[in-house]
Amino acid sequence: MRASPAYFHEFVTRCARQGKLVVQPRMGFSDAARMRQGLQAVAHAPVPSIGTITLDSFTRTGDFTSARHAVANGKTLNGYPIVTYSDDDNRALLAGIRGPEFPVQVRHGSSLPEEIFKATIRAGLDATEGGPISYCLPYGRVPLELSIESWARCTRLFVDAGETYHIESFGGCMMGQLCPPSILVAITLAEALFFRQNGLKLLSLSLAQGTHGQQDIAALRVLRQLGEELLGRDESWHIVFYTFMGKFPETYHGARSLIEESAKIARLGGAERLIVKTVKEAHQIPLVEDNLNALEWSYYSACQSADFFVDEAQVQQAAAVIMAEARFLLDTLLNLSADIGQAMQRAFAKGYWDLPFCLHPNNYGRSYARIQANGYTGWASTGNIPFPRQLVDTTRAASGRLSSGDLFKMLSYNQLRFDAKVPALA
């Protein structure tokens, strides 16, 4: 099979050289005509954009029989069933749209994604995302061992298809919110090392917007520094930042303010790409028009990032904490086995890596996080993670057991904070 042109990676690299932040929506329709119309609309956006094909939940979980039944009976799914449609259908979807100036990425959420990878390659697409940890622990009960084995096979499918294929680790977005940034940084880097160990050259690291802009900028700086140390200081990888993935502001002005702040943080933190959300996030599945508005707001907000105050002393202090924790987590994992997949399994089995609030059977489940008085997200309990005492004493929030009310307040933190902002005068 002829390798797909590296449109995705080359486009982001070219925009980064020009100082342009690439913006990308979430978008997926089960009807091929609607999916094509959505891609066409994004392709004509007046800002540097990447198209997204988000897959449906049947395809994500490998229930292809239900996906086929839904398509055959004209039922609406919550995404595009790429495995169900024929290769000709998938190529027709992209014909005349995807190209050097408009790459397209497949987004799916599957812990066992072989058929998705195969369909992606046959469709002529060159980019997808996820990872053996990030698309396993938060999303179901598939054993981590099976996810790791599957993702190793999938990575090699891309490698065997050619040198142009790109995988974005979703590891910096675990649980959507309420994870200390150090473990997000560690997971996305571990997944990147896993992809590299399985032969993949082109990749991206991820991080999601948290509860404080200064901490987010610090985390992006740490991710960049550790990425350069572990992956090399070159253009074979980049960073993608995500607009907040938790409980969204309910007001128009609150949602727009959060979206615009995420774009400024992405720019100031040095990310090359931004996954955006829309002002409809708290209320409904967004329309294509909502996504187009969000793309433009995000891009032009990033161009005005000088409006966002950066407290350099505060950022450096936060970065020192995140760096110490993330480096310790990575060193701990890498010392468990030369095989990154085996190291991942052992780290979670021992509780040396432990995701707050994650109910997956392979997660140790003894750590939890708390939003601190200064608005940062930090550790409230580190469980069995063997952080040195001086590091834990420095970083742990004022503790005490979390009540259900405490958890609800934390989940609502950004929603309440941005909704409370006074709308700017027109």
Protein backbone atom coordinates (compact mmCIF):
# COMPACT_ATOMS: atom_id res chain seq x y z
CA MET A 1 0.00 0.00 0.00
CA ARG A 2 1.30 3.44 -0.94
CA ALA A 3 2.04 5.53 2.15
CA SER A 4 -0.28 8.43 2.88
CA PRO A 5 1.30 11.89 2.50
CA ALA A 6 2.24 13.34 5.89
CA TYR A 7 -0.26 16.16 5.58
CA PHE A 8 -1.08 16.28 9.28
CA HIS A 9 2.42 16.49 10.69
CA GLU A 10 3.79 18.70 7.93
CA PHE A 11 0.92 21.18 8.26
CA VAL A 12 1.41 21.64 12.02
CA THR A 13 5.18 21.92 11.56
CA ARG A 14 4.81 24.52 8.82
CA CYS A 15 2.36 26.61 10.87
CA ALA A 16 4.65 26.42 13.92
CA ARG A 17 7.55 27.77 11.88
CA GLN A 18 5.29 30.67 10.86
CA GLY A 19 4.27 31.33 14.46
CA LYS A 20 0.65 30.26 13.87
CA LEU A 21 -1.37 28.25 16.37
CA VAL A 22 -3.31 25.46 14.65
CA VAL A 23 -6.90 25.13 15.90
CA GLN A 24 -8.98 21.97 15.68
CA PRO A 25 -12.62 21.18 16.55
CA ARG A 26 -14.24 18.05 17.87
CA MET A 27 -16.68 16.91 15.20
CA GLY A 28 -18.32 13.65 14.19
CA PHE A 29 -21.52 12.74 12.32
CA SER A 30 -22.78 9.28 11.43
CA ASP A 31 -24.25 10.47 8.13
CA ALA A 32 -21.46 10.66 5.56
CA ALA A 33 -22.99 13.66 3.78
CA ARG A 34 -23.19 15.65 7.04
CA MET A 35 -19.65 14.61 7.95
CA ARG A 36 -18.39 15.81 4.59
CA GLN A 37 -20.26 19.12 4.94
CA GLY A 38 -18.71 19.62 8.37
CA LEU A 39 -15.20 18.96 7.06
CA GLN A 40 -15.78 21.31 4.13
CA ALA A 41 -16.91 24.07 6.47
CA VAL A 42 -13.82 23.73 8.67
CA ALA A 43 -11.59 23.56 5.58
CA HIS A 44 -12.90 26.99 4.54
CA ALA A 45 -12.37 28.58 7.96
CA PRO A 46 -10.19 31.73 7.71
CA VAL A 47 -7.73 30.40 10.30
CA PRO A 48 -5.20 27.51 10.19
CA SER A 49 -7.40 24.51 11.01
CA ILE A 50 -7.31 20.73 11.04
CA GLY A 51 -10.35 18.59 10.35
CA THR A 52 -11.60 16.00 12.81
CA ILE A 53 -13.50 12.78 12.25
CA THR A 54 -14.73 11.68 15.68
CA LEU A 55 -15.97 8.10 15.74
CA ASP A 56 -19.15 6.73 17.32
CA SER A 57 -19.32 4.79 20.58
CA PHE A 58 -20.21 1.46 18.90
CA THR A 59 -17.04 1.66 16.80
CA ARG A 60 -15.02 2.80 19.81
CA THR A 61 -16.04 -0.29 21.79
CA GLY A 62 -15.73 -2.72 18.87
CA ASP A 63 -19.48 -3.32 18.53
CA PHE A 64 -19.40 -3.22 14.74
CA THR A 65 -22.61 -5.25 14.43
CA SER A 66 -24.61 -2.51 16.16
CA ALA A 67 -22.87 0.14 14.08
CA ARG A 68 -23.76 -1.69 10.85
CA HIS A 69 -27.36 -2.11 11.99
CA ALA A 70 -27.64 1.59 12.81
CA VAL A 71 -26.24 2.66 9.44
CA ALA A 72 -28.44 0.19 7.55
CA ASN A 73 -31.55 1.51 9.31
CA GLY A 74 -30.70 5.19 9.06
CA LYS A 75 -30.23 5.65 12.80
CA THR A 76 -28.16 8.56 14.07
CA LEU A 77 -24.96 7.71 15.94
CA ASN A 78 -22.77 9.98 18.05
CA GLY A 79 -19.94 9.91 15.53
CA TYR A 80 -18.70 8.56 12.22
CA PRO A 81 -18.54 4.72 11.94
CA ILE A 82 -15.37 4.48 9.87
CA VAL A 83 -15.12 0.68 10.13
CA THR A 84 -18.71 0.19 8.98
CA TYR A 85 -18.48 2.35 5.87
CA SER A 86 -16.63 0.89 2.91
CA ASP A 87 -13.14 2.02 1.97
CA ASP A 88 -14.62 3.68 -1.11
CA ASP A 89 -17.13 5.54 1.09
CA ASN A 90 -14.36 6.76 3.40
CA ARG A 91 -12.16 7.91 0.54
CA ALA A 92 -15.13 9.67 -1.08
CA LEU A 93 -15.76 11.46 2.21
CA LEU A 94 -12.31 13.05 1.98
CA ALA A 95 -11.99 13.53 -1.78
CA GLY A 96 -11.25 17.12 -2.72
CA ILE A 97 -11.17 18.23 0.93
CA ARG A 98 -8.17 16.67 2.65
CA GLY A 99 -4.82 17.91 1.40
CA PRO A 100 -1.60 19.72 2.33
CA GLU A 101 -3.55 22.79 3.53
CA PHE A 102 -6.25 20.81 5.32
CA PRO A 103 -5.21 17.59 7.05
CA VAL A 104 -7.72 15.41 8.89
CA GLN A 105 -7.31 13.42 12.11
CA VAL A 106 -9.36 10.43 13.31
CA ARG A 107 -10.38 10.58 16.99
CA HIS A 108 -11.92 7.52 18.61
CA GLY A 109 -11.44 6.64 22.30
CA SER A 110 -10.78 2.92 21.82
CA SER A 111 -8.57 0.74 24.01
CA LEU A 112 -8.52 -2.02 21.34
CA PRO A 113 -8.38 -0.04 18.09
CA GLU A 114 -6.86 -2.38 15.48
CA GLU A 115 -9.82 -2.23 13.10
CA ILE A 116 -9.95 1.55 13.45
CA PHE A 117 -6.27 1.85 12.56
CA LYS A 118 -6.71 -0.45 9.56
CA ALA A 119 -9.70 1.55 8.29
CA THR A 120 -7.81 4.81 8.86
CA ILE A 121 -4.89 3.60 6.75
CA ARG A 122 -7.14 2.29 3.98
CA ALA A 123 -8.99 5.62 3.89
CA GLY A 124 -5.69 7.36 3.15
CA LEU A 125 -5.56 9.22 6.46
CA ASP A 126 -2.30 9.70 8.32
CA ALA A 127 -3.19 10.73 11.89
CA THR A 128 -5.08 9.50 14.92
CA GLU A 129 -4.78 9.76 18.69
CA GLY A 130 -5.08 7.95 22.00
CA GLY A 131 -2.75 5.58 23.79
CA PRO A 132 -2.55 2.37 25.83
CA ILE A 133 -3.14 4.15 29.16
CA SER A 134 -5.18 7.16 28.14
CA TYR A 135 -7.72 5.21 26.11
CA CYS A 136 -7.99 2.39 28.62
CA LEU A 137 -8.13 3.51 32.25
CA PRO A 138 -10.75 6.27 32.01
CA TYR A 139 -13.10 4.62 29.53
CA GLY A 140 -14.02 1.09 30.58
CA ARG A 141 -12.84 -2.15 32.10
CA VAL A 142 -10.61 -3.59 29.37
CA PRO A 143 -7.49 -4.88 31.18
CA LEU A 144 -4.53 -2.54 30.82
CA GLU A 145 -2.37 -5.44 29.62
CA LEU A 146 -4.69 -6.05 26.65
CA SER A 147 -4.78 -2.36 25.78
CA ILE A 148 -0.99 -2.17 25.81
CA GLU A 149 -0.72 -5.22 23.55
CA SER A 150 -3.34 -3.83 21.17
CA TRP A 151 -1.75 -0.40 20.98
CA ALA A 152 1.65 -1.96 20.27
CA ARG A 153 0.13 -3.80 17.30
CA CYS A 154 -1.64 -0.65 16.14
CA THR A 155 1.51 1.43 16.32
CA ARG A 156 3.30 -1.13 14.19
CA LEU A 157 0.43 -1.01 11.67
CA PHE A 158 1.19 2.67 11.18
CA VAL A 159 4.94 2.04 11.06
CA ASP A 160 4.53 -0.72 8.47
CA ALA A 161 2.32 1.55 6.35
CA GLY A 162 5.05 4.18 6.05
CA GLU A 163 7.03 6.89 7.81
CA THR A 164 4.37 9.59 7.45
CA TYR A 165 1.89 8.45 10.11
CA HIS A 166 1.28 10.41 13.31
CA ILE A 167 -0.21 9.46 16.70
CA GLU A 168 -1.19 12.01 19.33
CA SER A 169 -0.97 10.74 22.90
CA PHE A 170 -4.12 11.57 24.85
CA GLY A 171 -2.23 11.06 28.10
CA GLY A 172 -2.25 14.72 29.11
CA CYS A 173 -6.05 14.73 29.26
CA MET A 174 -6.70 11.85 31.66
CA MET A 175 -10.06 11.99 33.44
CA GLY A 176 -10.78 15.37 31.83
CA GLN A 177 -9.98 17.30 35.01
CA LEU A 178 -8.85 17.05 38.63
CA CYS A 179 -5.53 15.37 37.89
CA PRO A 180 -2.34 17.05 39.13
CA PRO A 181 -0.44 18.20 36.03
CA SER A 182 2.66 16.18 36.88
CA ILE A 183 0.97 12.83 36.26
CA LEU A 184 -0.59 14.13 33.03
CA VAL A 185 2.85 15.19 31.81
CA ALA A 186 4.30 11.82 32.83
CA ILE A 187 1.58 9.76 31.11
CA THR A 188 1.71 11.59 27.77
CA LEU A 189 5.50 11.29 27.72
CA ALA A 190 5.36 7.60 28.65
CA GLU A 191 2.92 6.96 25.82
CA ALA A 192 5.20 8.86 23.44
CA LEU A 193 8.13 6.69 24.52
CA PHE A 194 5.93 3.62 24.00
CA PHE A 195 5.12 4.75 20.45
CA ARG A 196 8.81 5.39 19.75
CA GLN A 197 9.80 2.01 21.16
CA ASN A 198 7.34 0.44 18.72
CA GLY A 199 8.90 2.28 15.79
CA LEU A 200 6.76 5.40 15.34
CA LYS A 201 8.60 8.60 14.45
CA LEU A 202 5.93 11.33 14.31
CA LEU A 203 3.82 12.09 17.38
CA SER A 204 2.34 14.75 19.62
CA LEU A 205 2.11 15.25 23.37
CA SER A 206 -1.06 16.54 25.02
CA LEU A 207 -2.12 18.58 28.02
CA ALA A 208 -5.56 19.79 29.08
CA GLN A 209 -6.44 23.16 30.59
CA GLY A 210 -6.72 22.94 34.36
CA THR A 211 -7.91 25.21 37.12
CA HIS A 212 -5.28 27.98 37.00
CA GLY A 213 -3.66 29.62 33.99
CA GLN A 214 -0.26 30.13 35.62
CA GLN A 215 -0.08 26.43 36.52
CA ASP A 216 -1.10 25.49 32.98
CA ILE A 217 1.67 27.61 31.47
CA ALA A 218 4.13 26.04 33.90
CA ALA A 219 2.98 22.53 32.97
CA LEU A 220 3.36 23.27 29.25
CA ARG A 221 6.91 24.49 29.85
CA VAL A 222 7.75 21.34 31.79
CA LEU A 223 6.23 19.17 29.06
CA ARG A 224 8.38 20.94 26.47
CA GLN A 225 11.58 20.54 28.49
CA LEU A 226 11.04 16.88 29.29
CA GLY A 227 9.94 16.22 25.72
CA GLU A 228 13.19 17.66 24.42
CA GLU A 229 15.15 15.51 26.86
CA LEU A 230 13.35 12.26 26.07
CA LEU A 231 12.30 12.64 22.42
CA GLY A 232 14.90 15.02 21.03
CA ARG A 233 14.92 18.69 20.20
CA ASP A 234 13.52 18.41 16.69
CA GLU A 235 10.33 18.70 14.64
CA SER A 236 9.26 15.06 14.92
CA TRP A 237 6.82 15.95 17.72
CA HIS A 238 4.72 18.84 18.94
CA ILE A 239 2.40 19.77 21.81
CA VAL A 240 -1.38 19.98 21.63
CA PHE A 241 -3.34 21.84 24.33
CA TYR A 242 -7.00 21.17 25.10
CA THR A 243 -9.62 23.67 26.13
CA PHE A 244 -11.00 22.60 29.52
CA MET A 245 -12.65 19.16 29.37
CA GLY A 246 -14.73 19.27 32.55
CA LYS A 247 -17.97 20.93 33.65
CA PHE A 248 -18.27 23.90 31.31
CA PRO A 249 -19.56 27.42 32.06
CA GLU A 250 -23.29 27.72 31.40
CA THR A 251 -23.36 31.37 30.34
CA TYR A 252 -22.27 32.60 26.93
CA HIS A 253 -19.76 35.06 28.38
CA GLY A 254 -18.36 32.47 30.80
CA ALA A 255 -17.90 29.83 28.12
CA ARG A 256 -16.35 32.25 25.67
CA SER A 257 -14.01 33.64 28.33
CA LEU A 258 -12.78 30.14 29.18
CA ILE A 259 -12.31 29.27 25.50
CA GLU A 260 -10.35 32.45 24.82
CA GLU A 261 -8.21 32.00 27.93
CA SER A 262 -7.30 28.47 26.85
CA ALA A 263 -6.06 29.84 23.52
CA LYS A 264 -3.89 32.43 25.24
CA ILE A 265 -2.46 29.79 27.57
CA ALA A 266 -1.70 27.56 24.58
CA ARG A 267 0.20 30.38 22.90
CA LEU A 268 2.06 31.51 26.02
CA GLY A 269 2.91 27.92 26.96
CA GLY A 270 4.33 27.17 23.52
CA ALA A 271 1.77 24.65 22.23
CA GLU A 272 1.57 24.27 18.46
CA ARG A 273 -2.03 23.04 18.32
CA LEU A 274 -5.27 23.63 20.26
CA ILE A 275 -8.36 21.40 20.51
CA VAL A 276 -11.26 23.81 21.02
CA LYS A 277 -14.71 23.61 22.56
CA THR A 278 -17.77 25.76 21.91
CA VAL A 279 -20.09 27.99 23.94
CA LYS A 280 -22.77 25.28 23.61
CA GLU A 281 -20.70 22.73 25.53
CA ALA A 282 -22.86 22.84 28.68
CA HIS A 283 -26.15 22.63 26.82
CA GLN A 284 -26.08 20.59 23.61
CA ILE A 285 -24.02 18.95 20.91
CA PRO A 286 -22.59 21.92 19.02
CA LEU A 287 -23.56 22.79 15.47
CA VAL A 288 -20.95 23.16 12.76
CA GLU A 289 -21.45 26.94 13.01
CA ASP A 290 -20.62 26.81 16.73
CA ASN A 291 -17.37 25.02 15.94
CA LEU A 292 -16.45 27.57 13.29
CA ASN A 293 -17.03 30.43 15.73
CA ALA A 294 -14.90 28.71 18.37
CA LEU A 295 -12.07 28.15 15.89
CA GLU A 296 -11.95 31.84 14.98
CA TRP A 297 -12.25 33.08 18.57
CA SER A 298 -9.50 30.73 19.69
CA TYR A 299 -7.09 31.63 16.92
CA TYR A 300 -7.52 35.38 17.26
CA SER A 301 -7.42 35.18 21.07
CA ALA A 302 -4.07 33.42 20.80
CA CYS A 303 -2.86 36.30 18.65
CA GLN A 304 -3.77 38.63 21.55
CA SER A 305 -2.10 36.55 24.26
CA ALA A 306 -0.16 39.58 25.51
CA ASP A 307 -3.43 40.55 27.24
CA PHE A 308 -3.01 37.60 29.60
CA PHE A 309 -0.87 38.46 32.62
CA VAL A 310 1.92 35.99 33.29
CA ASP A 311 3.36 36.09 36.81
CA GLU A 312 6.81 34.79 35.93
CA ALA A 313 7.82 34.10 39.52
CA GLN A 314 4.62 32.15 40.11
CA VAL A 315 5.03 30.19 36.88
CA GLN A 316 8.62 29.27 37.69
CA GLN A 317 7.68 28.13 41.18
CA ALA A 318 4.84 25.99 39.82
CA ALA A 319 7.10 24.59 37.10
CA ALA A 320 9.70 23.52 39.65
CA VAL A 321 7.10 21.46 41.52
CA ILE A 322 5.62 19.92 38.36
CA MET A 323 9.08 19.11 37.02
CA ALA A 324 10.20 17.41 40.23
CA GLU A 325 7.05 15.29 40.41
CA ALA A 326 6.89 14.43 36.71
CA ARG A 327 10.57 13.54 36.51
CA PHE A 328 10.22 11.31 39.57
CA LEU A 329 7.17 9.55 38.10
CA LEU A 330 8.95 8.95 34.80
CA ASP A 331 12.16 7.76 36.45
CA THR A 332 10.14 5.39 38.62
CA LEU A 333 8.36 3.91 35.61
CA LEU A 334 11.45 3.62 33.43
CA ASN A 335 13.33 1.80 36.20
CA LEU A 336 10.68 -0.93 36.33
CA SER A 337 11.46 -2.40 32.89
CA ALA A 338 13.28 -1.58 29.66
CA ASP A 339 10.02 -2.54 27.92
CA ILE A 340 7.79 0.55 28.27
CA GLY A 341 4.59 -1.50 28.06
CA GLN A 342 5.75 -3.81 30.84
CA ALA A 343 6.84 -0.80 32.89
CA MET A 344 3.37 0.73 32.55
CA GLN A 345 1.70 -2.44 33.82
CA ARG A 346 4.05 -2.72 36.80
CA ALA A 347 3.76 0.95 37.73
CA PHE A 348 -0.02 0.77 38.01
CA ALA A 349 -0.02 -2.68 39.64
CA LYS A 350 2.26 -1.43 42.42
CA GLY A 351 0.42 1.87 42.80
CA TYR A 352 3.58 3.77 41.87
CA TRP A 353 1.37 5.45 39.27
CA ASP A 354 -2.17 6.09 40.48
CA LEU A 355 -4.85 8.25 38.85
CA PRO A 356 -7.11 10.23 41.18
CA PHE A 357 -10.81 9.32 40.93
CA CYS A 358 -10.20 6.60 38.31
CA LEU A 359 -12.32 3.48 38.95
CA HIS A 360 -10.61 1.13 36.47
CA PRO A 361 -9.70 -2.23 38.09
CA ASN A 362 -6.03 -1.81 37.11
CA ASN A 363 -5.76 1.59 38.80
CA TYR A 364 -4.54 1.39 42.40
CA GLY A 365 -7.18 3.86 43.56
CA ARG A 366 -5.50 5.28 46.66
CA SER A 367 -4.56 8.75 45.44
CA TYR A 368 -6.79 11.76 45.09
CA ALA A 369 -6.47 15.41 44.19
CA ARG A 370 -7.76 18.68 45.56
CA ILE A 371 -8.01 22.21 44.24
CA GLN A 372 -5.83 24.23 46.55
CA ALA A 373 -6.58 27.63 48.03
CA ASN A 374 -4.58 29.33 45.25
CA GLY A 375 -6.62 27.57 42.54
CA TYR A 376 -3.95 25.05 41.58
CA THR A 377 -4.79 21.36 41.25
CA GLY A 378 -2.50 19.28 43.46
CA TRP A 379 -2.23 16.05 45.38
CA ALA A 380 -4.36 15.64 48.50
CA SER A 381 -3.28 12.03 48.94
CA THR A 382 -0.50 10.33 47.00
CA GLY A 383 -1.56 6.80 47.94
CA ASN A 384 1.27 4.38 47.20
CA ILE A 385 3.19 6.71 44.86
CA PRO A 386 6.67 6.70 46.45
CA PHE A 387 7.34 10.44 46.22
CA PRO A 388 10.24 11.54 48.46
CA ARG A 389 8.97 13.01 51.72
CA GLN A 390 10.32 16.48 51.02
CA LEU A 391 8.52 16.55 47.66
CA VAL A 392 5.22 15.40 49.15
CA ASP A 393 5.47 17.88 52.00
CA THR A 394 6.05 20.68 49.51
CA THR A 395 3.29 19.82 47.08
CA ARG A 396 0.44 18.20 49.00
CA ALA A 397 -2.62 20.35 49.58
CA ALA A 398 -4.11 20.83 53.03
CA SER A 399 -5.72 17.46 53.44
CA GLY A 400 -8.66 15.85 55.14
CA ARG A 401 -11.06 13.44 53.51
CA LEU A 402 -13.09 14.65 50.55
CA SER A 403 -16.84 14.74 50.92
CA SER A 404 -19.27 14.41 48.02
CA GLY A 405 -19.91 18.13 48.43
CA ASP A 406 -16.18 18.86 48.15
CA LEU A 407 -15.98 16.81 44.97
CA PHE A 408 -18.98 18.58 43.44
CA LYS A 409 -17.45 21.98 44.23
CA MET A 410 -14.20 20.95 42.59
CA LEU A 411 -15.98 19.62 39.52
CA SER A 412 -17.87 22.92 39.26
CA TYR A 413 -14.85 25.12 39.99
CA ASN A 414 -14.16 26.40 36.48
CA GLN A 415 -17.83 26.62 35.60
CA LEU A 416 -18.57 28.86 38.59
CA ARG A 417 -15.36 30.87 38.21
CA PHE A 418 -15.93 31.81 34.58
CA ASP A 419 -19.70 32.25 34.87
CA ALA A 420 -19.07 34.75 37.68
CA LYS A 421 -16.95 36.98 35.45
CA VAL A 422 -18.58 40.25 34.42
CA PRO A 423 -19.29 40.22 30.67
CA ALA A 424 -17.14 42.64 28.67
CA LEU A 425 -18.98 45.62 27.20
CA ALA A 426 -19.50 45.45 23.45
